[in-house]
Every structure is written in structure tokens, then in C-alpha cells.
Amino acid sequence: MKPFKELQVKAVCLGVIGVLLVVSSTFGASYSSGVTANVVTKTSVTADGQKIIYPKTDKAEVTAMTVDIAPGAETGWHKHPLPVYAYVLSGDLTVELEGGQRVSYGTGDAIIEVVNTLHNGKNSGAEPVKLAVFYLGAEGVPNVIKPEGQQLVGGDRDAHGCLGPAGYVWCENKKQCVRPWELPSIEHEGPTTEERFQYHCGK
């Protein structure tokens, strides 16, 4: 007989999958009496506004797991090369993206994680954070990728909070951290990254 805790975790995971796959507020109507389904979130974009794209593979692999983050603890900088969805079972979590943006989540929130973008999750509360996490991946593809070499930490940020090791610098005109080579091209100002940065952000 399996321990009650293990059975409880599996029950929670199955319940979360059911909630996250709800596609309309009337979904519960197809169930028998006594069953209620509530939409936690419904979106076509990730936490940073990028369109959700499902992996194209004939070796699909789904991983479901629980994650516990102690008060004050961090996940460390990492990224996912595939769609990842999570549900906050309890606690308060703050996720910082490599561009300086911060997103906060609390108990009962759904997390549509960013893809191929470095981020760091931190327990910003006094209680442990408990997550149910689901990776929509493929066989042989890692769910989590950490940056090579020295781990990115807060001390790598400049006075504006821009993450230098990731290529970000402060853009005064836009009032945000940017990667110069990702700025829109400008034919009349020349093709170089420096000219592009000066045009969009000032000298």
C-alpha cells in the first residue's frame, strides 16, 4: 500500500491537470452532477507575452512533478526549451526574468512559464512555496537548462538592474533594459549594432 502522502500528491497533480486543460467556463457542464470546473487561466501567450508554441515531435514526453521552495530560497537562473506550466499550491513566488521584469504569483495562481528565456524564481514569503509543475517536452530534450560557466547572480546587474552577462544594457529612451542587437533595424542609420542602439536609445 502506497504512503498516503504519495497518493495525495498524485491526486493533486491529476486535479491540476484537469483544471489547466479547461478550455471554457462551461466545461463542467459535461460532467455529472456534483462536479464543478473553474477556469484558472486561459491564454495564448507565456509570462513574457510570447506566443505559446507546442513542440513538434513524434517522441512527446510529459513530466509532472512537485517543487518545494523554502522561504528565501531561489531556483537559480535557468531556462526551459519547451512549454512549462505550473500551479501554485501554496506560498508566494516572485519570478525575475533576464530583462529585469518581475512577475509575482500566489496560492491558486497558474504559471505559464517563459520559454528560452533565463529566469529565477524566489520564495518571497514566510511560508514554503509548493508547486505542481508540468513539462510538455520530448524524449532526450532536457526540461531545464542552466547557463554555462558562472551562475548569474544579482551582483551581475548594473545600476539600472540590467543583466550584463545576458547582454542587456540600459536604454534611456525606452526606460528599460534591452539587447542592442534585438532592436529594430534602421536602414538610414547603418547596419551596426552600435548605430542601432544610438538611434533607439540615445548616446
Protein backbone atom coordinates (compact mmCIF):
# COMPACT_ATOMS: atom_id res chain seq x y z
CA MET A 1 0.00 0.00 0.00
CA LYS A 2 1.48 3.33 -1.05
CA PRO A 3 2.00 6.06 1.59
CA PHE A 4 -0.87 8.48 1.94
CA LYS A 5 1.36 11.47 1.12
CA GLU A 6 2.35 9.98 -2.24
CA LEU A 7 -1.26 9.24 -3.09
CA GLN A 8 -2.20 12.77 -2.03
CA VAL A 9 0.45 14.33 -4.29
CA LYS A 10 -0.71 12.25 -7.25
CA ALA A 11 -4.29 13.25 -6.57
CA VAL A 12 -3.29 16.93 -6.52
CA CYS A 13 -1.34 16.59 -9.79
CA LEU A 14 -4.26 14.90 -11.54
CA GLY A 15 -6.58 17.59 -10.27
CA VAL A 16 -4.29 20.37 -11.51
CA ILE A 17 -4.02 18.79 -14.96
CA GLY A 18 -7.80 18.75 -15.17
CA VAL A 19 -8.03 22.41 -14.20
CA LEU A 20 -5.29 23.64 -16.53
CA LEU A 21 -6.80 21.87 -19.54
CA VAL A 22 -10.17 23.55 -19.11
CA VAL A 23 -10.98 25.46 -22.30
CA SER A 24 -14.21 27.22 -21.36
CA SER A 25 -16.22 28.22 -18.32
CA THR A 26 -18.95 25.79 -19.37
CA PHE A 27 -16.63 22.78 -19.42
CA GLY A 28 -18.07 21.49 -16.13
CA ALA A 29 -21.49 21.11 -17.74
CA SER A 30 -20.29 17.92 -19.47
CA TYR A 31 -19.65 16.23 -16.11
CA SER A 32 -22.15 14.50 -13.86
CA SER A 33 -23.99 16.43 -11.18
CA GLY A 34 -21.83 17.46 -8.24
CA VAL A 35 -18.70 18.23 -10.27
CA THR A 36 -17.57 21.85 -10.68
CA ALA A 37 -14.81 23.08 -13.01
CA ASN A 38 -13.33 26.58 -12.76
CA VAL A 39 -11.01 28.23 -15.27
CA VAL A 40 -7.77 29.24 -13.52
CA THR A 41 -6.33 30.92 -16.60
CA LYS A 42 -6.79 30.89 -20.37
CA THR A 43 -4.14 32.46 -22.56
CA SER A 44 -2.23 32.06 -25.81
CA VAL A 45 0.98 33.71 -24.53
CA THR A 46 3.65 32.98 -21.93
CA ALA A 47 4.51 35.15 -18.90
CA ASP A 48 6.60 37.50 -21.06
CA GLY A 49 4.00 37.85 -23.81
CA GLN A 50 5.47 35.38 -26.30
CA LYS A 51 3.11 33.17 -28.30
CA ILE A 52 2.79 29.64 -26.96
CA ILE A 53 4.28 27.10 -29.38
CA TYR A 54 3.94 23.37 -28.82
CA PRO A 55 6.93 21.13 -29.61
CA LYS A 56 6.85 19.36 -32.98
CA THR A 57 8.00 15.84 -32.25
CA ASP A 58 6.96 12.22 -32.63
CA LYS A 59 8.55 11.42 -29.25
CA ALA A 60 6.44 13.53 -26.93
CA GLU A 61 7.17 13.21 -23.23
CA VAL A 62 5.24 14.81 -20.36
CA THR A 63 6.83 15.20 -16.94
CA ALA A 64 4.70 16.03 -13.88
CA MET A 65 6.44 16.91 -10.63
CA THR A 66 6.08 18.82 -7.40
CA VAL A 67 8.55 21.54 -6.37
CA ASP A 68 9.09 22.89 -2.85
CA ILE A 69 10.95 26.19 -2.32
CA ALA A 70 11.89 27.16 1.23
CA PRO A 71 11.38 30.76 2.46
CA GLY A 72 14.12 32.95 0.98
CA ALA A 73 15.36 30.18 -1.34
CA GLU A 74 15.78 30.58 -5.12
CA THR A 75 15.66 28.21 -8.06
CA GLY A 76 18.78 29.73 -9.61
CA TRP A 77 18.91 31.16 -13.12
CA HIS A 78 17.70 28.72 -15.74
CA LYS A 79 15.54 28.42 -18.84
CA HIS A 80 13.21 25.90 -20.47
CA PRO A 81 13.44 24.93 -24.17
CA LEU A 82 9.84 23.72 -24.07
CA PRO A 83 6.43 24.72 -22.67
CA VAL A 84 6.14 24.51 -18.87
CA TYR A 85 3.02 25.09 -16.82
CA ALA A 86 2.69 25.21 -13.05
CA TYR A 87 0.08 25.69 -10.36
CA VAL A 88 0.86 27.34 -7.03
CA LEU A 89 -0.46 25.04 -4.34
CA SER A 90 0.69 27.40 -1.59
CA GLY A 91 3.06 30.29 -0.90
CA ASP A 92 4.24 33.45 -2.64
CA LEU A 93 6.66 33.24 -5.57
CA THR A 94 8.45 36.04 -7.43
CA VAL A 95 9.95 35.21 -10.83
CA GLU A 96 12.59 37.56 -12.25
CA LEU A 97 13.24 37.49 -16.00
CA GLU A 98 16.62 38.24 -17.57
CA GLY A 99 15.38 41.58 -18.88
CA GLY A 100 14.61 42.81 -15.36
CA GLN A 101 10.86 42.16 -15.38
CA ARG A 102 9.37 40.61 -12.23
CA VAL A 103 6.16 38.58 -12.01
CA SER A 104 4.55 37.58 -8.71
CA TYR A 105 2.34 34.55 -8.06
CA GLY A 106 0.36 33.41 -5.05
CA THR A 107 -1.69 30.44 -3.90
CA GLY A 108 -4.13 29.34 -6.59
CA ASP A 109 -2.33 31.06 -9.48
CA ALA A 110 -1.41 29.33 -12.72
CA ILE A 111 2.06 29.96 -14.16
CA ILE A 112 2.60 29.92 -17.92
CA GLU A 113 6.38 29.84 -17.87
CA VAL A 114 8.62 31.68 -20.32
CA VAL A 115 10.39 29.60 -22.97
CA ASN A 116 14.09 30.00 -23.86
CA THR A 117 14.37 32.97 -21.50
CA LEU A 118 16.57 32.93 -18.41
CA HIS A 119 14.64 33.44 -15.19
CA ASN A 120 14.99 32.93 -11.45
CA GLY A 121 12.21 32.05 -9.03
CA LYS A 122 12.40 33.18 -5.40
CA ASN A 123 10.21 32.45 -2.42
CA SER A 124 9.36 35.98 -1.37
CA GLY A 125 7.15 34.95 1.55
CA ALA A 126 7.47 33.49 5.03
CA GLU A 127 5.98 30.11 4.15
CA PRO A 128 7.28 27.37 1.82
CA VAL A 129 6.20 27.59 -1.82
CA LYS A 130 4.68 24.40 -3.18
CA LEU A 131 4.22 23.99 -6.94
CA ALA A 132 2.78 21.34 -9.22
CA VAL A 133 4.79 21.60 -12.46
CA PHE A 134 4.15 20.06 -15.88
CA TYR A 135 6.72 19.90 -18.69
CA LEU A 136 5.43 19.33 -22.24
CA GLY A 137 8.66 18.04 -23.70
CA ALA A 138 10.21 15.35 -25.86
CA GLU A 139 12.39 12.33 -25.23
CA GLY A 140 16.05 13.29 -24.96
CA VAL A 141 15.34 17.03 -24.56
CA PRO A 142 16.25 18.49 -21.13
CA ASN A 143 13.41 20.20 -19.27
CA VAL A 144 15.76 22.68 -17.60
CA ILE A 145 18.93 24.35 -18.91
CA LYS A 146 21.27 26.36 -16.67
CA PRO A 147 23.70 28.95 -18.07
CA GLU A 148 27.22 27.71 -18.67
CA GLY A 149 30.08 28.84 -16.50
CA GLN A 150 29.47 31.15 -13.57
CA GLN A 151 25.91 31.23 -12.33
CA LEU A 152 24.14 34.52 -12.84
CA VAL A 153 23.51 36.40 -9.60
CA GLY A 154 22.10 39.75 -8.60
CA GLY A 155 25.60 41.27 -8.37
CA ASP A 156 25.93 40.97 -12.16
CA ARG A 157 23.32 43.70 -12.64
CA ASP A 158 24.21 47.33 -13.24
CA ALA A 159 22.73 50.38 -11.52
CA HIS A 160 19.57 50.09 -13.63
CA GLY A 161 19.12 46.40 -12.88
CA CYS A 162 20.23 45.27 -16.35
CA LEU A 163 21.74 41.79 -16.50
CA GLY A 164 25.08 42.36 -18.25
CA PRO A 165 26.13 38.70 -18.66
CA ALA A 166 22.97 38.13 -20.66
CA GLY A 167 23.77 41.07 -22.96
CA TYR A 168 21.36 43.65 -21.51
CA VAL A 169 22.13 47.38 -21.27
CA TRP A 170 20.02 50.34 -20.22
CA CYS A 171 18.02 52.13 -22.94
CA GLU A 172 17.25 55.63 -21.70
CA ASN A 173 14.65 56.44 -24.35
CA LYS A 174 12.69 53.26 -23.67
CA LYS A 175 13.36 53.28 -19.91
CA GLN A 176 14.13 49.56 -19.90
CA CYS A 177 16.93 47.03 -20.32
CA VAL A 178 17.48 45.89 -23.91
CA ARG A 179 19.79 43.77 -26.02
CA PRO A 180 21.14 46.16 -28.69
CA TRP A 181 21.19 43.53 -31.43
CA GLU A 182 17.49 42.78 -30.86
CA LEU A 183 16.40 46.38 -31.51
CA PRO A 184 14.52 47.05 -34.78
CA SER A 185 16.79 47.63 -37.77
CA ILE A 186 17.18 51.15 -39.21
CA GLU A 187 18.26 51.33 -42.85
CA HIS A 188 19.16 55.02 -42.89
CA GLU A 189 21.34 54.75 -39.76
CA GLY A 190 23.51 51.87 -40.90
CA PRO A 191 23.55 48.18 -40.04
CA THR A 192 25.85 48.13 -36.99
CA THR A 193 24.60 47.28 -33.51
CA GLU A 194 26.14 50.45 -32.07
CA GLU A 195 24.32 52.70 -34.57
CA ARG A 196 21.08 50.86 -33.95
CA PHE A 197 21.44 51.34 -30.19
CA GLN A 198 22.22 55.07 -30.54
CA TYR A 199 19.20 55.58 -32.76
CA HIS A 200 16.73 53.88 -30.41
CA CYS A 201 18.25 54.68 -27.04
CA GLY A 202 20.34 57.84 -27.42
CA LYS A 203 24.09 58.22 -26.94
